[in-house]
Amino acid sequence: MLKKLTWLGHAGFFYAGPPRVYIDPFRIGAGPVADLVLLTHPHYDHCSPAALQHIVGPDTEILCPPDCLTALSKLPGSRRIVEPGTKVDLNGVRIEAVPAYTRKSRMHGRDNAWVGYVVQIDGKRFYHAGDTDYIPEMRGLQVDVACLPISGGETMTVVEAAAAANSIAPQVVVPMHYGTLGDDIDPELFSNLTRIPVHALQRDPAFAGE
C-alpha cells in the first residue's frame, strides 16, 4: 500500500489508486485530478481551496464535514457531507468517517463533529487520524496503516502518538502533521517511542508545481 501513497507535507496524502484519492492536501501546486477528496475539518491547513483548485475536476467527489462547504463553494465537483459514523462506498472504496477531536482546547473540540477516515482500498485498511488527541475511539480500530499527527500543540505529541500507535497496533505507522508550520519534529524520536514499525515518507516535489 505504501508504494502508492505519497505524503504531500503536513497532513496531506495522495493515494495513486485507482481511484485517485487525496486527503487534506495543503500547499500543493500540481497533481493528478482527484477521483475522491477527503477533508477532515475546515481549518486552512486541512481544507485549502488554494491547494484543491489544482486537483479537483468536475467528476471529483469531495467528502467533508458541513462547515467545510463555504470554503469549497467556487470549486467544481460534487460534495458529500460526513460526520463521525458515516460509512460510504464510492468507486470501489469503502470509507468510514471516525471521530477526531482534542481535549486540549475548544478549537478541536468533540462538539465540532470533525473526523478522521478509515479507508479500505486495494484490500488494505488505511487510517488518517485528522487533528486529534489519543482518544478512546481509536482503541477499536483495525487498520493496516495508520497516519498519526505528531507535532503537539492542538494534536498529539510524539509521546501521545506513540501510545496511540501501540494501542491501534497497525502493521506500520506513518507520522504526519509536522515539518510545515514551524513544527519541525524529528520523526525518528517518534520511532524510538513506539513498538510499531514507523515509515516516515518524504514529500514528492512533483506536487509543488512551478
C-alpha atoms as a PDB file:
ATOM      1  CA  MET A   1       0.000   0.000   0.000  1.00  0.00           C
ATOM      2  CA  LEU A   2       2.797   2.436   0.834  1.00  0.00           C
ATOM      3  CA  LYS A   3       4.099   2.161  -2.737  1.00  0.00           C
ATOM      4  CA  LYS A   4       1.015   4.052  -3.910  1.00  0.00           C
ATOM      5  CA  LEU A   5       0.933   6.530  -1.011  1.00  0.00           C
ATOM      6  CA  THR A   6       2.554   9.964  -1.276  1.00  0.00           C
ATOM      7  CA  TRP A   7       2.929  12.398   1.611  1.00  0.00           C
ATOM      8  CA  LEU A   8       2.147  15.921   0.443  1.00  0.00           C
ATOM      9  CA  GLY A   9       3.522  17.537   3.571  1.00  0.00           C
ATOM     10  CA  HIS A  10       1.712  18.440   6.794  1.00  0.00           C
ATOM     11  CA  ALA A  11      -1.400  16.196   6.955  1.00  0.00           C
ATOM     12  CA  GLY A  12      -1.823  15.806   3.195  1.00  0.00           C
ATOM     13  CA  PHE A  13      -1.660  12.493   1.318  1.00  0.00           C
ATOM     14  CA  PHE A  14      -2.273  11.217  -2.188  1.00  0.00           C
ATOM     15  CA  TYR A  15      -3.124   7.603  -2.988  1.00  0.00           C
ATOM     16  CA  ALA A  16      -2.402   6.833  -6.626  1.00  0.00           C
ATOM     17  CA  GLY A  17      -5.194   4.294  -6.946  1.00  0.00           C
ATOM     18  CA  PRO A  18      -7.210   3.737  -8.938  1.00  0.00           C
ATOM     19  CA  PRO A  19      -9.199   5.551  -7.760  1.00  0.00           C
ATOM     20  CA  ARG A  20      -7.034   8.606  -7.071  1.00  0.00           C
ATOM     21  CA  VAL A  21      -7.664   9.763  -3.501  1.00  0.00           C
ATOM     22  CA  TYR A  22      -6.417  12.896  -1.728  1.00  0.00           C
ATOM     23  CA  ILE A  23      -6.732  13.580   1.974  1.00  0.00           C
ATOM     24  CA  ASP A  24      -6.275  17.128   3.346  1.00  0.00           C
ATOM     25  CA  PRO A  25      -3.992  18.411   0.547  1.00  0.00           C
ATOM     26  CA  PHE A  26      -2.183  21.613   1.583  1.00  0.00           C
ATOM     27  CA  ARG A  27       0.394  23.801  -0.149  1.00  0.00           C
ATOM     28  CA  ILE A  28       0.464  21.879  -3.393  1.00  0.00           C
ATOM     29  CA  GLY A  29       0.525  23.412  -6.841  1.00  0.00           C
ATOM     30  CA  ALA A  30       0.007  20.403  -9.096  1.00  0.00           C
ATOM     31  CA  GLY A  31      -1.137  16.801  -9.129  1.00  0.00           C
ATOM     32  CA  PRO A  32      -3.314  14.252 -10.926  1.00  0.00           C
ATOM     33  CA  VAL A  33      -7.011  15.095 -10.937  1.00  0.00           C
ATOM     34  CA  ALA A  34      -8.735  13.511  -7.942  1.00  0.00           C
ATOM     35  CA  ASP A  35     -11.498  10.957  -8.070  1.00  0.00           C
ATOM     36  CA  LEU A  36     -12.094  11.392  -4.335  1.00  0.00           C
ATOM     37  CA  VAL A  37     -11.036  14.073  -1.857  1.00  0.00           C
ATOM     38  CA  LEU A  38     -11.450  13.510   1.874  1.00  0.00           C
ATOM     39  CA  LEU A  39     -11.304  16.550   4.164  1.00  0.00           C
ATOM     40  CA  THR A  40     -11.152  16.161   7.925  1.00  0.00           C
ATOM     41  CA  HIS A  41     -12.149  19.660   9.110  1.00  0.00           C
ATOM     42  CA  PRO A  42     -12.337  23.272   7.913  1.00  0.00           C
ATOM     43  CA  HIS A  43      -9.052  24.708   9.196  1.00  0.00           C
ATOM     44  CA  TYR A  44      -6.990  26.316   6.433  1.00  0.00           C
ATOM     45  CA  ASP A  45      -4.200  23.727   6.618  1.00  0.00           C
ATOM     46  CA  HIS A  46      -6.644  20.857   6.020  1.00  0.00           C
ATOM     47  CA  CYS A  47      -9.358  22.415   3.858  1.00  0.00           C
ATOM     48  CA  SER A  48      -7.355  24.545   1.415  1.00  0.00           C
ATOM     49  CA  PRO A  49      -9.104  25.865  -1.712  1.00  0.00           C
ATOM     50  CA  ALA A  50      -5.712  27.102  -2.962  1.00  0.00           C
ATOM     51  CA  ALA A  51      -4.443  23.519  -2.994  1.00  0.00           C
ATOM     52  CA  LEU A  52      -7.689  21.901  -4.091  1.00  0.00           C
ATOM     53  CA  GLN A  53      -8.044  24.060  -7.197  1.00  0.00           C
ATOM     54  CA  HIS A  54      -5.082  22.205  -8.714  1.00  0.00           C
ATOM     55  CA  ILE A  55      -6.517  18.706  -8.309  1.00  0.00           C
ATOM     56  CA  VAL A  56     -10.340  18.969  -8.277  1.00  0.00           C
ATOM     57  CA  GLY A  57     -12.251  18.409 -11.521  1.00  0.00           C
ATOM     58  CA  PRO A  58     -15.931  18.222 -12.486  1.00  0.00           C
ATOM     59  CA  ASP A  59     -16.101  14.497 -11.678  1.00  0.00           C
ATOM     60  CA  THR A  60     -14.319  14.757  -8.318  1.00  0.00           C
ATOM     61  CA  GLU A  61     -16.341  13.835  -5.256  1.00  0.00           C
ATOM     62  CA  ILE A  62     -15.402  15.683  -2.062  1.00  0.00           C
ATOM     63  CA  LEU A  63     -16.290  14.221   1.344  1.00  0.00           C
ATOM     64  CA  CYS A  64     -16.205  16.695   4.211  1.00  0.00           C
ATOM     65  CA  PRO A  65     -17.893  17.930   7.384  1.00  0.00           C
ATOM     66  CA  PRO A  66     -20.575  20.555   6.669  1.00  0.00           C
ATOM     67  CA  ASP A  67     -18.520  23.512   7.888  1.00  0.00           C
ATOM     68  CA  CYS A  68     -16.066  22.972   5.006  1.00  0.00           C
ATOM     69  CA  LEU A  69     -18.691  23.812   2.385  1.00  0.00           C
ATOM     70  CA  THR A  70     -18.267  27.582   2.335  1.00  0.00           C
ATOM     71  CA  ALA A  71     -14.547  27.279   1.542  1.00  0.00           C
ATOM     72  CA  LEU A  72     -15.340  24.879  -1.308  1.00  0.00           C
ATOM     73  CA  SER A  73     -18.076  26.944  -2.923  1.00  0.00           C
ATOM     74  CA  LYS A  74     -16.071  28.013  -6.008  1.00  0.00           C
ATOM     75  CA  LEU A  75     -14.626  24.574  -6.780  1.00  0.00           C
ATOM     76  CA  PRO A  76     -16.052  22.069  -9.277  1.00  0.00           C
ATOM     77  CA  GLY A  77     -17.081  18.559  -8.371  1.00  0.00           C
ATOM     78  CA  SER A  78     -19.743  17.215  -6.033  1.00  0.00           C
ATOM     79  CA  ARG A  79     -19.982  17.214  -2.257  1.00  0.00           C
ATOM     80  CA  ARG A  80     -20.953  14.559   0.258  1.00  0.00           C
ATOM     81  CA  ILE A  81     -21.371  15.562   3.904  1.00  0.00           C
ATOM     82  CA  VAL A  82     -19.904  13.290   6.572  1.00  0.00           C
ATOM     83  CA  GLU A  83     -19.895  13.104  10.343  1.00  0.00           C
ATOM     84  CA  PRO A  84     -18.412  10.569  12.752  1.00  0.00           C
ATOM     85  CA  GLY A  85     -20.002   7.230  11.929  1.00  0.00           C
ATOM     86  CA  THR A  86     -20.748   7.959   8.259  1.00  0.00           C
ATOM     87  CA  LYS A  87     -19.958   4.966   6.001  1.00  0.00           C
ATOM     88  CA  VAL A  88     -19.992   5.129   2.214  1.00  0.00           C
ATOM     89  CA  ASP A  89     -18.836   3.018  -0.722  1.00  0.00           C
ATOM     90  CA  LEU A  90     -17.520   5.049  -3.659  1.00  0.00           C
ATOM     91  CA  ASN A  91     -15.541   3.958  -6.724  1.00  0.00           C
ATOM     92  CA  GLY A  92     -14.817   0.593  -5.115  1.00  0.00           C
ATOM     93  CA  VAL A  93     -13.523   2.239  -1.934  1.00  0.00           C
ATOM     94  CA  ARG A  94     -15.141   1.808   1.463  1.00  0.00           C
ATOM     95  CA  ILE A  95     -14.828   4.942   3.583  1.00  0.00           C
ATOM     96  CA  GLU A  96     -15.742   5.398   7.234  1.00  0.00           C
ATOM     97  CA  ALA A  97     -15.591   8.781   8.955  1.00  0.00           C
ATOM     98  CA  VAL A  98     -14.397   8.347  12.550  1.00  0.00           C
ATOM     99  CA  PRO A  99     -14.168  10.798  15.470  1.00  0.00           C
ATOM    100  CA  ALA A 100     -11.262  13.249  15.636  1.00  0.00           C
ATOM    101  CA  TYR A 101     -11.081  15.736  18.494  1.00  0.00           C
ATOM    102  CA  THR A 102      -8.851  17.077  21.225  1.00  0.00           C
ATOM    103  CA  ARG A 103      -9.421  17.785  24.875  1.00  0.00           C
ATOM    104  CA  LYS A 104      -6.665  20.412  24.995  1.00  0.00           C
ATOM    105  CA  SER A 105      -8.900  23.262  23.827  1.00  0.00           C
ATOM    106  CA  ARG A 106     -12.252  24.005  22.256  1.00  0.00           C
ATOM    107  CA  MET A 107     -10.601  24.659  18.884  1.00  0.00           C
ATOM    108  CA  HIS A 108     -10.788  20.956  18.022  1.00  0.00           C
ATOM    109  CA  GLY A 109     -13.499  20.011  20.497  1.00  0.00           C
ATOM    110  CA  ARG A 110     -15.672  16.946  20.162  1.00  0.00           C
ATOM    111  CA  ASP A 111     -18.808  19.033  19.584  1.00  0.00           C
ATOM    112  CA  ASN A 112     -17.448  20.112  16.183  1.00  0.00           C
ATOM    113  CA  ALA A 113     -18.085  16.582  14.867  1.00  0.00           C
ATOM    114  CA  TRP A 114     -14.885  16.684  12.802  1.00  0.00           C
ATOM    115  CA  VAL A 115     -13.430  13.477  11.507  1.00  0.00           C
ATOM    116  CA  GLY A 116     -10.607  11.198  10.589  1.00  0.00           C
ATOM    117  CA  TYR A 117     -11.067   8.471   7.998  1.00  0.00           C
ATOM    118  CA  VAL A 118     -10.642   4.725   7.691  1.00  0.00           C
ATOM    119  CA  VAL A 119     -10.318   3.909   4.004  1.00  0.00           C
ATOM    120  CA  GLN A 120     -10.479   0.331   2.727  1.00  0.00           C
ATOM    121  CA  ILE A 121      -8.735   0.199  -0.631  1.00  0.00           C
ATOM    122  CA  ASP A 122      -6.775  -2.464  -2.527  1.00  0.00           C
ATOM    123  CA  GLY A 123      -7.563  -4.947   0.226  1.00  0.00           C
ATOM    124  CA  LYS A 124      -5.953  -2.815   2.951  1.00  0.00           C
ATOM    125  CA  ARG A 125      -7.340  -0.508   5.638  1.00  0.00           C
ATOM    126  CA  PHE A 126      -5.760   2.929   5.912  1.00  0.00           C
ATOM    127  CA  TYR A 127      -6.408   5.326   8.828  1.00  0.00           C
ATOM    128  CA  HIS A 128      -5.915   9.082   8.612  1.00  0.00           C
ATOM    129  CA  ALA A 129      -6.437  10.424  12.116  1.00  0.00           C
ATOM    130  CA  GLY A 130      -7.073  14.099  11.314  1.00  0.00           C
ATOM    131  CA  ASP A 131      -6.312  16.582  14.075  1.00  0.00           C
ATOM    132  CA  THR A 132      -6.853  14.638  17.260  1.00  0.00           C
ATOM    133  CA  ASP A 133      -5.701  13.553  20.670  1.00  0.00           C
ATOM    134  CA  TYR A 134      -5.195   9.941  21.558  1.00  0.00           C
ATOM    135  CA  ILE A 135      -8.897   9.313  22.072  1.00  0.00           C
ATOM    136  CA  PRO A 136     -10.770   6.231  23.331  1.00  0.00           C
ATOM    137  CA  GLU A 137     -12.399   5.633  19.927  1.00  0.00           C
ATOM    138  CA  MET A 138      -9.004   4.697  18.481  1.00  0.00           C
ATOM    139  CA  ARG A 139      -8.810   1.530  20.553  1.00  0.00           C
ATOM    140  CA  GLY A 140     -11.357  -0.325  18.449  1.00  0.00           C
ATOM    141  CA  LEU A 141      -9.767   0.452  15.093  1.00  0.00           C
ATOM    142  CA  GLN A 142      -8.470  -2.413  12.955  1.00  0.00           C
ATOM    143  CA  VAL A 143      -6.209  -0.977  10.274  1.00  0.00           C
ATOM    144  CA  ASP A 144      -3.081  -1.908   8.350  1.00  0.00           C
ATOM    145  CA  VAL A 145      -1.595   1.602   8.021  1.00  0.00           C
ATOM    146  CA  ALA A 146      -2.144   4.474  10.459  1.00  0.00           C
ATOM    147  CA  CYS A 147      -1.197   8.098   9.728  1.00  0.00           C
ATOM    148  CA  LEU A 148      -0.910   9.930  13.025  1.00  0.00           C
ATOM    149  CA  PRO A 149      -0.120  13.593  13.834  1.00  0.00           C
ATOM    150  CA  ILE A 150       2.983  14.074  15.982  1.00  0.00           C
ATOM    151  CA  SER A 151       3.531  17.840  16.211  1.00  0.00           C
ATOM    152  CA  GLY A 152       1.865  18.510  19.550  1.00  0.00           C
ATOM    153  CA  GLY A 153       0.018  21.772  20.071  1.00  0.00           C
ATOM    154  CA  GLU A 154      -3.561  21.091  19.001  1.00  0.00           C
ATOM    155  CA  THR A 155      -2.755  17.471  18.112  1.00  0.00           C
ATOM    156  CA  MET A 156      -0.872  14.575  19.671  1.00  0.00           C
ATOM    157  CA  THR A 157       2.702  14.928  20.846  1.00  0.00           C
ATOM    158  CA  VAL A 158       5.171  12.232  19.844  1.00  0.00           C
ATOM    159  CA  VAL A 159       4.599  10.558  23.211  1.00  0.00           C
ATOM    160  CA  GLU A 160       0.820  10.578  22.777  1.00  0.00           C
ATOM    161  CA  ALA A 161       1.089   9.433  19.168  1.00  0.00           C
ATOM    162  CA  ALA A 162       3.340   6.547  20.220  1.00  0.00           C
ATOM    163  CA  ALA A 163       0.751   5.461  22.781  1.00  0.00           C
ATOM    164  CA  ALA A 164      -1.947   5.677  20.120  1.00  0.00           C
ATOM    165  CA  ALA A 165       0.128   3.639  17.675  1.00  0.00           C
ATOM    166  CA  ASN A 166       0.777   0.953  20.271  1.00  0.00           C
ATOM    167  CA  SER A 167      -2.938   0.778  21.068  1.00  0.00           C
ATOM    168  CA  ILE A 168      -4.133   0.647  17.439  1.00  0.00           C
ATOM    169  CA  ALA A 169      -1.359  -1.816  16.505  1.00  0.00           C
ATOM    170  CA  PRO A 170      -1.305  -1.361  12.713  1.00  0.00           C
ATOM    171  CA  GLN A 171       1.304  -3.074  10.565  1.00  0.00           C
ATOM    172  CA  VAL A 172       3.006   0.291  10.036  1.00  0.00           C
ATOM    173  CA  VAL A 173       2.506   3.860  11.200  1.00  0.00           C
ATOM    174  CA  VAL A 174       3.222   6.977   9.126  1.00  0.00           C
ATOM    175  CA  PRO A 175       3.887  10.227  11.032  1.00  0.00           C
ATOM    176  CA  MET A 176       2.251  13.407   9.743  1.00  0.00           C
ATOM    177  CA  HIS A 177       1.403  16.974  10.742  1.00  0.00           C
ATOM    178  CA  TYR A 178       4.962  18.163  11.172  1.00  0.00           C
ATOM    179  CA  GLY A 179       7.664  19.993   9.239  1.00  0.00           C
ATOM    180  CA  THR A 180       5.416  22.569   7.558  1.00  0.00           C
ATOM    181  CA  LEU A 181       4.281  25.243  10.013  1.00  0.00           C
ATOM    182  CA  GLY A 182       7.380  25.565  12.152  1.00  0.00           C
ATOM    183  CA  ASP A 183       6.705  22.238  13.905  1.00  0.00           C
ATOM    184  CA  ASP A 184       9.969  20.579  12.930  1.00  0.00           C
ATOM    185  CA  ILE A 185       9.589  17.400  14.964  1.00  0.00           C
ATOM    186  CA  ASP A 186      12.074  14.640  14.242  1.00  0.00           C
ATOM    187  CA  PRO A 187      10.057  11.552  13.224  1.00  0.00           C
ATOM    188  CA  GLU A 188      12.921   9.379  14.460  1.00  0.00           C
ATOM    189  CA  LEU A 189      12.002  10.418  18.007  1.00  0.00           C
ATOM    190  CA  PHE A 190       8.518   9.080  17.372  1.00  0.00           C
ATOM    191  CA  SER A 191      10.013   5.879  16.006  1.00  0.00           C
ATOM    192  CA  ASN A 192      12.029   5.411  19.202  1.00  0.00           C
ATOM    193  CA  LEU A 193       8.884   5.620  21.344  1.00  0.00           C
ATOM    194  CA  THR A 194       6.627   3.059  19.659  1.00  0.00           C
ATOM    195  CA  ARG A 195       6.965  -0.670  19.117  1.00  0.00           C
ATOM    196  CA  ILE A 196       5.124  -0.353  15.773  1.00  0.00           C
ATOM    197  CA  PRO A 197       7.299  -0.020  12.633  1.00  0.00           C
ATOM    198  CA  VAL A 198       7.431   3.635  11.573  1.00  0.00           C
ATOM    199  CA  HIS A 199       7.728   4.664   7.922  1.00  0.00           C
ATOM    200  CA  ALA A 200       8.401   8.400   7.546  1.00  0.00           C
ATOM    201  CA  LEU A 201       7.526   9.344   3.971  1.00  0.00           C
ATOM    202  CA  GLN A 202       9.360  12.023   2.010  1.00  0.00           C
ATOM    203  CA  ARG A 203       7.484  14.765   0.178  1.00  0.00           C
ATOM    204  CA  ASP A 204       7.291  14.420  -3.598  1.00  0.00           C
ATOM    205  CA  PRO A 205       8.399  17.680  -5.286  1.00  0.00           C
ATOM    206  CA  ALA A 206       6.201  16.888  -8.294  1.00  0.00           C
ATOM    207  CA  PHE A 207       3.191  18.120  -6.313  1.00  0.00           C
ATOM    208  CA  ALA A 208       4.784  21.504  -5.598  1.00  0.00           C
ATOM    209  CA  GLY A 209       4.073  22.789  -9.088  1.00  0.00           C
ATOM    210  CA  GLU A 210       6.080  25.621 -10.607  1.00  0.00           C
END
